[in-house]
Amino acid sequence: MDTHLMIGVAVMFGLIAFAASRDLLRRLREQQPQLVPVKVKRADSRAQRHDR
């Protein structure tokens, strides 16, 4: 085969794979549950050090 043709085919396959992976990642991101921040109460650092 011609070298230019093979390079063109490889580029086309790369573009197709890139588009498919973007679509797949977008769909997976929509299915993930949304993370909710958890509030943690921080104990007084002086009280922790005094207990030791």
PDB file of N, CA and C in Angstrom:
ATOM      1  N   MET A   1       0.828  -1.182   0.000  1.00  0.00           N
ATOM      2  CA  MET A   1       0.000   0.000   0.000  1.00  0.00           C
ATOM      3  C   MET A   1       0.875   1.248   0.000  1.00  0.00           C
ATOM      4  N   ASP A   2       0.286   2.311  -0.410  1.00  0.00           N
ATOM      5  CA  ASP A   2       0.981   3.587  -0.427  1.00  0.00           C
ATOM      6  C   ASP A   2       1.141   4.106   1.007  1.00  0.00           C
ATOM      7  N   THR A   3       2.287   4.700   1.297  1.00  0.00           N
ATOM      8  CA  THR A   3       2.566   5.194   2.645  1.00  0.00           C
ATOM      9  C   THR A   3       1.584   6.290   3.046  1.00  0.00           C
ATOM     10  N   HIS A   4       1.284   7.194   2.131  1.00  0.00           N
ATOM     11  CA  HIS A   4       0.364   8.277   2.444  1.00  0.00           C
ATOM     12  C   HIS A   4      -1.034   7.742   2.745  1.00  0.00           C
ATOM     13  N   LEU A   5      -1.445   6.713   2.027  1.00  0.00           N
ATOM     14  CA  LEU A   5      -2.751   6.114   2.275  1.00  0.00           C
ATOM     15  C   LEU A   5      -2.797   5.474   3.655  1.00  0.00           C
ATOM     16  N   MET A   6      -1.734   4.777   4.033  1.00  0.00           N
ATOM     17  CA  MET A   6      -1.691   4.135   5.344  1.00  0.00           C
ATOM     18  C   MET A   6      -1.700   5.176   6.466  1.00  0.00           C
ATOM     19  N   ILE A   7      -0.977   6.271   6.264  1.00  0.00           N
ATOM     20  CA  ILE A   7      -0.979   7.329   7.271  1.00  0.00           C
ATOM     21  C   ILE A   7      -2.372   7.939   7.379  1.00  0.00           C
ATOM     22  N   GLY A   8      -3.017   8.146   6.250  1.00  0.00           N
ATOM     23  CA  GLY A   8      -4.374   8.692   6.252  1.00  0.00           C
ATOM     24  C   GLY A   8      -5.357   7.780   6.962  1.00  0.00           C
ATOM     25  N   VAL A   9      -5.244   6.473   6.720  1.00  0.00           N
ATOM     26  CA  VAL A   9      -6.130   5.509   7.383  1.00  0.00           C
ATOM     27  C   VAL A   9      -5.871   5.521   8.888  1.00  0.00           C
ATOM     28  N   ALA A  10      -4.604   5.588   9.294  1.00  0.00           N
ATOM     29  CA  ALA A  10      -4.265   5.614  10.716  1.00  0.00           C
ATOM     30  C   ALA A  10      -4.817   6.878  11.383  1.00  0.00           C
ATOM     31  N   VAL A  11      -4.727   8.011  10.698  1.00  0.00           N
ATOM     32  CA  VAL A  11      -5.259   9.256  11.246  1.00  0.00           C
ATOM     33  C   VAL A  11      -6.778   9.172  11.375  1.00  0.00           C
ATOM     34  N   MET A  12      -7.435   8.619  10.384  1.00  0.00           N
ATOM     35  CA  MET A  12      -8.886   8.486  10.449  1.00  0.00           C
ATOM     36  C   MET A  12      -9.311   7.582  11.606  1.00  0.00           C
ATOM     37  N   PHE A  13      -8.617   6.446  11.773  1.00  0.00           N
ATOM     38  CA  PHE A  13      -8.925   5.562  12.901  1.00  0.00           C
ATOM     39  C   PHE A  13      -8.670   6.271  14.233  1.00  0.00           C
ATOM     40  N   GLY A  14      -7.637   7.074  14.305  1.00  0.00           N
ATOM     41  CA  GLY A  14      -7.356   7.823  15.518  1.00  0.00           C
ATOM     42  C   GLY A  14      -8.452   8.820  15.835  1.00  0.00           C
ATOM     43  N   LEU A  15      -8.933   9.509  14.802  1.00  0.00           N
ATOM     44  CA  LEU A  15     -10.017  10.474  15.016  1.00  0.00           C
ATOM     45  C   LEU A  15     -11.309   9.787  15.437  1.00  0.00           C
ATOM     46  N   ILE A  16     -11.579   8.644  14.848  1.00  0.00           N
ATOM     47  CA  ILE A  16     -12.783   7.885  15.224  1.00  0.00           C
ATOM     48  C   ILE A  16     -12.669   7.413  16.667  1.00  0.00           C
ATOM     49  N   ALA A  17     -11.507   6.912  17.057  1.00  0.00           N
ATOM     50  CA  ALA A  17     -11.306   6.449  18.435  1.00  0.00           C
ATOM     51  C   ALA A  17     -11.409   7.614  19.413  1.00  0.00           C
ATOM     52  N   PHE A  18     -10.873   8.770  19.042  1.00  0.00           N
ATOM     53  CA  PHE A  18     -10.944   9.955  19.905  1.00  0.00           C
ATOM     54  C   PHE A  18     -12.393  10.381  20.118  1.00  0.00           C
ATOM     55  N   ALA A  19     -13.173  10.420  19.051  1.00  0.00           N
ATOM     56  CA  ALA A  19     -14.578  10.815  19.166  1.00  0.00           C
ATOM     57  C   ALA A  19     -15.368   9.799  19.990  1.00  0.00           C
ATOM     58  N   ALA A  20     -15.086   8.520  19.796  1.00  0.00           N
ATOM     59  CA  ALA A  20     -15.803   7.489  20.548  1.00  0.00           C
ATOM     60  C   ALA A  20     -15.457   7.553  22.033  1.00  0.00           C
ATOM     61  N   SER A  21     -14.193   7.793  22.350  1.00  0.00           N
ATOM     62  CA  SER A  21     -13.803   7.845  23.759  1.00  0.00           C
ATOM     63  C   SER A  21     -14.409   9.072  24.439  1.00  0.00           C
ATOM     64  N   ARG A  22     -14.484  10.209  23.737  1.00  0.00           N
ATOM     65  CA  ARG A  22     -15.107  11.402  24.327  1.00  0.00           C
ATOM     66  C   ARG A  22     -16.579  11.143  24.628  1.00  0.00           C
ATOM     67  N   ASP A  23     -17.258  10.494  23.686  1.00  0.00           N
ATOM     68  CA  ASP A  23     -18.677  10.189  23.875  1.00  0.00           C
ATOM     69  C   ASP A  23     -18.869   9.224  25.036  1.00  0.00           C
ATOM     70  N   LEU A  24     -18.024   8.202  25.107  1.00  0.00           N
ATOM     71  CA  LEU A  24     -18.125   7.216  26.181  1.00  0.00           C
ATOM     72  C   LEU A  24     -17.858   7.852  27.538  1.00  0.00           C
ATOM     73  N   LEU A  25     -16.831   8.688  27.636  1.00  0.00           N
ATOM     74  CA  LEU A  25     -16.526   9.343  28.904  1.00  0.00           C
ATOM     75  C   LEU A  25     -17.631  10.312  29.320  1.00  0.00           C
ATOM     76  N   ARG A  26     -18.242  10.996  28.366  1.00  0.00           N
ATOM     77  CA  ARG A  26     -19.338  11.905  28.691  1.00  0.00           C
ATOM     78  C   ARG A  26     -20.522  11.124  29.251  1.00  0.00           C
ATOM     79  N   ARG A  27     -20.834   9.975  28.655  1.00  0.00           N
ATOM     80  CA  ARG A  27     -21.951   9.163  29.151  1.00  0.00           C
ATOM     81  C   ARG A  27     -21.653   8.585  30.531  1.00  0.00           C
ATOM     82  N   LEU A  28     -20.415   8.166  30.777  1.00  0.00           N
ATOM     83  CA  LEU A  28     -20.056   7.626  32.084  1.00  0.00           C
ATOM     84  C   LEU A  28     -20.108   8.712  33.152  1.00  0.00           C
ATOM     85  N   ARG A  29     -19.713   9.935  32.802  1.00  0.00           N
ATOM     86  CA  ARG A  29     -19.740  11.031  33.767  1.00  0.00           C
ATOM     87  C   ARG A  29     -21.175  11.356  34.177  1.00  0.00           C
ATOM     88  N   GLU A  30     -22.131  11.249  33.252  1.00  0.00           N
ATOM     89  CA  GLU A  30     -23.533  11.517  33.567  1.00  0.00           C
ATOM     90  C   GLU A  30     -24.107  10.465  34.502  1.00  0.00           C
ATOM     91  N   GLN A  31     -23.591   9.230  34.445  1.00  0.00           N
ATOM     92  CA  GLN A  31     -24.131   8.154  35.265  1.00  0.00           C
ATOM     93  C   GLN A  31     -23.570   8.160  36.673  1.00  0.00           C
ATOM     94  N   GLN A  32     -22.446   8.833  36.904  1.00  0.00           N
ATOM     95  CA  GLN A  32     -21.843   8.839  38.234  1.00  0.00           C
ATOM     96  C   GLN A  32     -22.712   9.618  39.209  1.00  0.00           C
ATOM     97  N   PRO A  33     -22.838   9.115  40.425  1.00  0.00           N
ATOM     98  CA  PRO A  33     -23.599   9.880  41.419  1.00  0.00           C
ATOM     99  C   PRO A  33     -22.828  11.148  41.797  1.00  0.00           C
ATOM    100  N   GLN A  34     -23.563  12.200  42.073  1.00  0.00           N
ATOM    101  CA  GLN A  34     -22.938  13.457  42.444  1.00  0.00           C
ATOM    102  C   GLN A  34     -22.415  13.351  43.873  1.00  0.00           C
ATOM    103  N   LEU A  35     -21.177  13.780  44.075  1.00  0.00           N
ATOM    104  CA  LEU A  35     -20.576  13.729  45.397  1.00  0.00           C
ATOM    105  C   LEU A  35     -21.044  14.916  46.224  1.00  0.00           C
ATOM    106  N   VAL A  36     -21.340  14.651  47.475  1.00  0.00           N
ATOM    107  CA  VAL A  36     -21.805  15.694  48.387  1.00  0.00           C
ATOM    108  C   VAL A  36     -20.731  15.876  49.452  1.00  0.00           C
ATOM    109  N   PRO A  37     -20.283  17.103  49.693  1.00  0.00           N
ATOM    110  CA  PRO A  37     -19.262  17.302  50.719  1.00  0.00           C
ATOM    111  C   PRO A  37     -19.804  16.968  52.112  1.00  0.00           C
ATOM    112  N   VAL A  38     -18.951  16.352  52.910  1.00  0.00           N
ATOM    113  CA  VAL A  38     -19.318  15.972  54.267  1.00  0.00           C
ATOM    114  C   VAL A  38     -18.676  16.955  55.229  1.00  0.00           C
ATOM    115  N   LYS A  39     -19.476  17.537  56.103  1.00  0.00           N
ATOM    116  CA  LYS A  39     -18.939  18.477  57.077  1.00  0.00           C
ATOM    117  C   LYS A  39     -18.437  17.708  58.296  1.00  0.00           C
ATOM    118  N   VAL A  40     -17.213  17.992  58.669  1.00  0.00           N
ATOM    119  CA  VAL A  40     -16.597  17.319  59.806  1.00  0.00           C
ATOM    120  C   VAL A  40     -16.312  18.362  60.870  1.00  0.00           C
ATOM    121  N   LYS A  41     -16.761  18.083  62.071  1.00  0.00           N
ATOM    122  CA  LYS A  41     -16.488  19.004  63.168  1.00  0.00           C
ATOM    123  C   LYS A  41     -15.089  18.723  63.693  1.00  0.00           C
ATOM    124  N   ARG A  42     -14.279  19.751  63.732  1.00  0.00           N
ATOM    125  CA  ARG A  42     -12.909  19.587  64.190  1.00  0.00           C
ATOM    126  C   ARG A  42     -12.864  19.830  65.691  1.00  0.00           C
ATOM    127  N   ALA A  43     -12.285  18.886  66.397  1.00  0.00           N
ATOM    128  CA  ALA A  43     -12.169  19.031  67.852  1.00  0.00           C
ATOM    129  C   ALA A  43     -11.140  20.107  68.164  1.00  0.00           C
ATOM    130  N   ASP A  44     -11.267  20.700  69.327  1.00  0.00           N
ATOM    131  CA  ASP A  44     -10.332  21.732  69.743  1.00  0.00           C
ATOM    132  C   ASP A  44      -8.935  21.113  69.876  1.00  0.00           C
ATOM    133  N   SER A  45      -7.971  21.684  69.199  1.00  0.00           N
ATOM    134  CA  SER A  45      -6.622  21.107  69.195  1.00  0.00           C
ATOM    135  C   SER A  45      -5.986  21.149  70.573  1.00  0.00           C
ATOM    136  N   ARG A  46      -6.298  22.155  71.394  1.00  0.00           N
ATOM    137  CA  ARG A  46      -5.738  22.244  72.737  1.00  0.00           C
ATOM    138  C   ARG A  46      -6.270  21.101  73.615  1.00  0.00           C
ATOM    139  N   ALA A  47      -7.538  20.762  73.467  1.00  0.00           N
ATOM    140  CA  ALA A  47      -8.120  19.693  74.267  1.00  0.00           C
ATOM    141  C   ALA A  47      -7.490  18.347  73.895  1.00  0.00           C
ATOM    142  N   GLN A  48      -7.213  18.132  72.637  1.00  0.00           N
ATOM    143  CA  GLN A  48      -6.581  16.885  72.216  1.00  0.00           C
ATOM    144  C   GLN A  48      -5.172  16.774  72.779  1.00  0.00           C
ATOM    145  N   ARG A  49      -4.429  17.853  72.751  1.00  0.00           N
ATOM    146  CA  ARG A  49      -3.063  17.821  73.241  1.00  0.00           C
ATOM    147  C   ARG A  49      -3.018  17.675  74.767  1.00  0.00           C
ATOM    148  N   HIS A  50      -3.986  18.247  75.453  1.00  0.00           N
ATOM    149  CA  HIS A  50      -4.018  18.183  76.917  1.00  0.00           C
ATOM    150  C   HIS A  50      -4.327  16.760  77.404  1.00  0.00           C
ATOM    151  N   ASP A  51      -5.114  15.987  76.609  1.00  0.00           N
ATOM    152  CA  ASP A  51      -5.486  14.628  77.001  1.00  0.00           C
ATOM    153  C   ASP A  51      -4.318  13.660  76.919  1.00  0.00           C
ATOM    154  N   ARG A  52      -3.299  13.991  76.205  1.00  0.00           N
ATOM    155  CA  ARG A  52      -2.195  13.041  76.003  1.00  0.00           C
ATOM    156  C   ARG A  52      -1.404  12.873  77.218  1.00  0.00           C
TER     157      ARG A  52
END
